Amino acid sequence: MMEYIGLFFELLLFLFGLYLYLYAIGKLQPKGDSAQRQAADFRKRNGWWMRIGGLAIMAIMLVNIYLHIVQLLGG
């Protein structure tokens, strides 16, 4: 049971990395004009590290998910 909970949290962290990356490249837009201006300004100031961070989290979690599934299927 704990193995599946761990896999669930690894999937959640992978999805967080995906969300962070998509937000950093501008694919996710908030509603409202002022919120979009604030988000664009935030991305302009922090977009580089958010892209790198999102990709790093996704890469690490993808390796963890793969190893976890191999462990679950292997015994």
C-alpha atoms as a PDB file:
ATOM      1  CA  MET A   1       0.000   0.000   0.000  1.00  0.00           C
ATOM      2  CA  MET A   2       2.813   2.438   0.849  1.00  0.00           C
ATOM      3  CA  GLU A   3       4.403   1.797  -2.553  1.00  0.00           C
ATOM      4  CA  TYR A   4       1.269   3.054  -4.293  1.00  0.00           C
ATOM      5  CA  ILE A   5       1.084   6.126  -2.065  1.00  0.00           C
ATOM      6  CA  GLY A   6       4.699   6.906  -2.946  1.00  0.00           C
ATOM      7  CA  LEU A   7       3.942   6.490  -6.641  1.00  0.00           C
ATOM      8  CA  PHE A   8       0.941   8.798  -6.273  1.00  0.00           C
ATOM      9  CA  PHE A   9       3.075  11.541  -4.726  1.00  0.00           C
ATOM     10  CA  GLU A  10       5.706  11.113  -7.430  1.00  0.00           C
ATOM     11  CA  LEU A  11       2.976  11.610 -10.038  1.00  0.00           C
ATOM     12  CA  LEU A  12       1.740  14.709  -8.202  1.00  0.00           C
ATOM     13  CA  LEU A  13       5.242  16.193  -8.164  1.00  0.00           C
ATOM     14  CA  PHE A  14       5.650  15.413 -11.872  1.00  0.00           C
ATOM     15  CA  LEU A  15       2.370  17.219 -12.585  1.00  0.00           C
ATOM     16  CA  PHE A  16       3.546  20.165 -10.469  1.00  0.00           C
ATOM     17  CA  GLY A  17       6.693  20.372 -12.599  1.00  0.00           C
ATOM     18  CA  LEU A  18       4.574  20.255 -15.747  1.00  0.00           C
ATOM     19  CA  TYR A  19       2.322  23.033 -14.421  1.00  0.00           C
ATOM     20  CA  LEU A  20       5.346  25.147 -13.494  1.00  0.00           C
ATOM     21  CA  TYR A  21       6.862  24.698 -16.962  1.00  0.00           C
ATOM     22  CA  LEU A  22       3.628  25.467 -18.793  1.00  0.00           C
ATOM     23  CA  TYR A  23       3.115  28.575 -16.665  1.00  0.00           C
ATOM     24  CA  ALA A  24       6.697  29.693 -17.297  1.00  0.00           C
ATOM     25  CA  ILE A  25       6.364  29.476 -21.084  1.00  0.00           C
ATOM     26  CA  GLY A  26       2.980  31.238 -21.046  1.00  0.00           C
ATOM     27  CA  LYS A  27       0.676  28.378 -22.028  1.00  0.00           C
ATOM     28  CA  LEU A  28      -1.431  28.891 -18.893  1.00  0.00           C
ATOM     29  CA  GLN A  29      -3.025  32.325 -18.712  1.00  0.00           C
ATOM     30  CA  PRO A  30      -4.952  33.714 -15.744  1.00  0.00           C
ATOM     31  CA  LYS A  31      -8.325  35.315 -16.319  1.00  0.00           C
ATOM     32  CA  GLY A  32      -8.631  39.080 -16.166  1.00  0.00           C
ATOM     33  CA  ASP A  33      -6.519  41.798 -17.725  1.00  0.00           C
ATOM     34  CA  SER A  34      -4.662  42.906 -14.605  1.00  0.00           C
ATOM     35  CA  ALA A  35      -3.892  39.318 -13.617  1.00  0.00           C
ATOM     36  CA  GLN A  36      -2.513  38.642 -17.100  1.00  0.00           C
ATOM     37  CA  ARG A  37      -0.291  41.739 -16.900  1.00  0.00           C
ATOM     38  CA  GLN A  38       0.981  40.701 -13.475  1.00  0.00           C
ATOM     39  CA  ALA A  39       1.624  37.149 -14.683  1.00  0.00           C
ATOM     40  CA  ALA A  40       3.486  38.407 -17.755  1.00  0.00           C
ATOM     41  CA  ASP A  41       5.644  40.656 -15.573  1.00  0.00           C
ATOM     42  CA  PHE A  42       6.306  37.792 -13.147  1.00  0.00           C
ATOM     43  CA  ARG A  43       7.257  35.482 -16.040  1.00  0.00           C
ATOM     44  CA  LYS A  44       9.540  38.135 -17.488  1.00  0.00           C
ATOM     45  CA  ARG A  45      11.428  38.390 -14.183  1.00  0.00           C
ATOM     46  CA  ASN A  46      11.378  34.698 -13.199  1.00  0.00           C
ATOM     47  CA  GLY A  47      10.687  32.735 -16.372  1.00  0.00           C
ATOM     48  CA  TRP A  48      14.199  31.362 -16.837  1.00  0.00           C
ATOM     49  CA  TRP A  49      14.520  29.638 -13.474  1.00  0.00           C
ATOM     50  CA  MET A  50      10.892  28.478 -13.566  1.00  0.00           C
ATOM     51  CA  ARG A  51      11.483  26.736 -16.926  1.00  0.00           C
ATOM     52  CA  ILE A  52      14.680  25.114 -15.666  1.00  0.00           C
ATOM     53  CA  GLY A  53      13.058  24.159 -12.362  1.00  0.00           C
ATOM     54  CA  GLY A  54       9.977  22.685 -14.035  1.00  0.00           C
ATOM     55  CA  LEU A  55      12.085  20.636 -16.439  1.00  0.00           C
ATOM     56  CA  ALA A  56      14.340  19.436 -13.609  1.00  0.00           C
ATOM     57  CA  ILE A  57      11.406  18.357 -11.439  1.00  0.00           C
ATOM     58  CA  MET A  58       9.792  16.552 -14.375  1.00  0.00           C
ATOM     59  CA  ALA A  59      13.029  14.770 -15.308  1.00  0.00           C
ATOM     60  CA  ILE A  60      13.757  13.622 -11.761  1.00  0.00           C
ATOM     61  CA  MET A  61      10.183  12.511 -11.135  1.00  0.00           C
ATOM     62  CA  LEU A  62      10.007  10.683 -14.481  1.00  0.00           C
ATOM     63  CA  VAL A  63      13.076   8.638 -13.518  1.00  0.00           C
ATOM     64  CA  ASN A  64      11.573   7.990 -10.063  1.00  0.00           C
ATOM     65  CA  ILE A  65       8.232   6.938 -11.568  1.00  0.00           C
ATOM     66  CA  TYR A  66       9.941   4.592 -14.017  1.00  0.00           C
ATOM     67  CA  LEU A  67      12.054   2.986 -11.274  1.00  0.00           C
ATOM     68  CA  HIS A  68       9.024   2.717  -8.998  1.00  0.00           C
ATOM     69  CA  ILE A  69       6.934   0.967 -11.682  1.00  0.00           C
ATOM     70  CA  VAL A  70       9.805  -1.403 -12.500  1.00  0.00           C
ATOM     71  CA  GLN A  71      10.112  -2.228  -8.802  1.00  0.00           C
ATOM     72  CA  LEU A  72       6.354  -2.826  -8.478  1.00  0.00           C
ATOM     73  CA  LEU A  73       6.218  -5.074 -11.541  1.00  0.00           C
ATOM     74  CA  GLY A  74       9.435  -6.885 -10.723  1.00  0.00           C
ATOM     75  CA  GLY A  75       8.419  -8.042  -7.321  1.00  0.00           C
END
